[in-house]
Amino acid sequence: MTGPHLNPAEALRDPASAMAPDPRTGMFAGQAALSLAAHHAEIATVQLSPAVPEPIAIQFETARNLYLYAWHVYRFYMVAATQALTTLEFGLRERMPTRLPERYQRAKQKQPMLAGMLRYAIDQGLVRNDGFRRWHQAAEQLARERRSLDAIQTMIDQGLQRMEIDDDAPVEVAPQDQQWDLVAILSDGLPSLRNQLAHGSPMLTRQVLGTLELVAEILNQIYPAEPAAS
């Protein structure tokens, strides 16, 4: 039974509707409803390295499955994000020392918290900007924009009326394109999001795939694969 003010989409499903898509699954303005196969393809791209220990990988697979089943139950998106961030804390705790320097773990804390462990991992060079796909994409985009601006300046300097630029041609990324300090943002943003979700929140969005990707990339960095034998 549902409460007097509870929308059926929020209530316990009955056996007949348990595997139906959530009514909100197809409610994206200007977009076709996402098929279950397409939804699965999204989360299937987010994977852990085989070097991540099995207990941590199992917890992350739970997050991936929650994301998958959010096609049926929309609120599972937030549960998937919560599970992914919990897995991140689990993975860091298994990897970090049991006691961190005081700047990362207050004296009264019996064990380090997510924020302290993540900052410690960053400061120790275990988590780096170049370990994130979106950081490379942002640097490449800046390089492409810089190339376009350079071409415009060349046209002005040489008095040219037109110049052809192959947008698909490889671009050389320079240090000036790599100034985005993504890890500095994540060191505050991910623990804040985890706390907000863990302590109860009405937040509801399907835009959590990026969170799962970030968690996977951090875990893959702190549990690096062994180099192949020559």
Foldseek 3Di string as FASTA:
>chain_A
DDDPPDDPLQDDDDPVQQPPFRPCQQPDPPDGRDDLVNQLVLLVVQAADPLQDPVLRVLLVVLSVLSSCCRRRQQSLLVSLLSLLVSLQVLLQVLDDQDDPCVLPPPPDNGGGPLSSLVVCVVVVLDALVLAPVLVVQQQVVQLVVVVVVVVVVCVVVVNPDDDDDSPDHGDRDPVSRPDRVSVVCSPPSVVSNVQSVVDDPDGDNPCSVSSNVSSSSSCSSRPDDDDDD
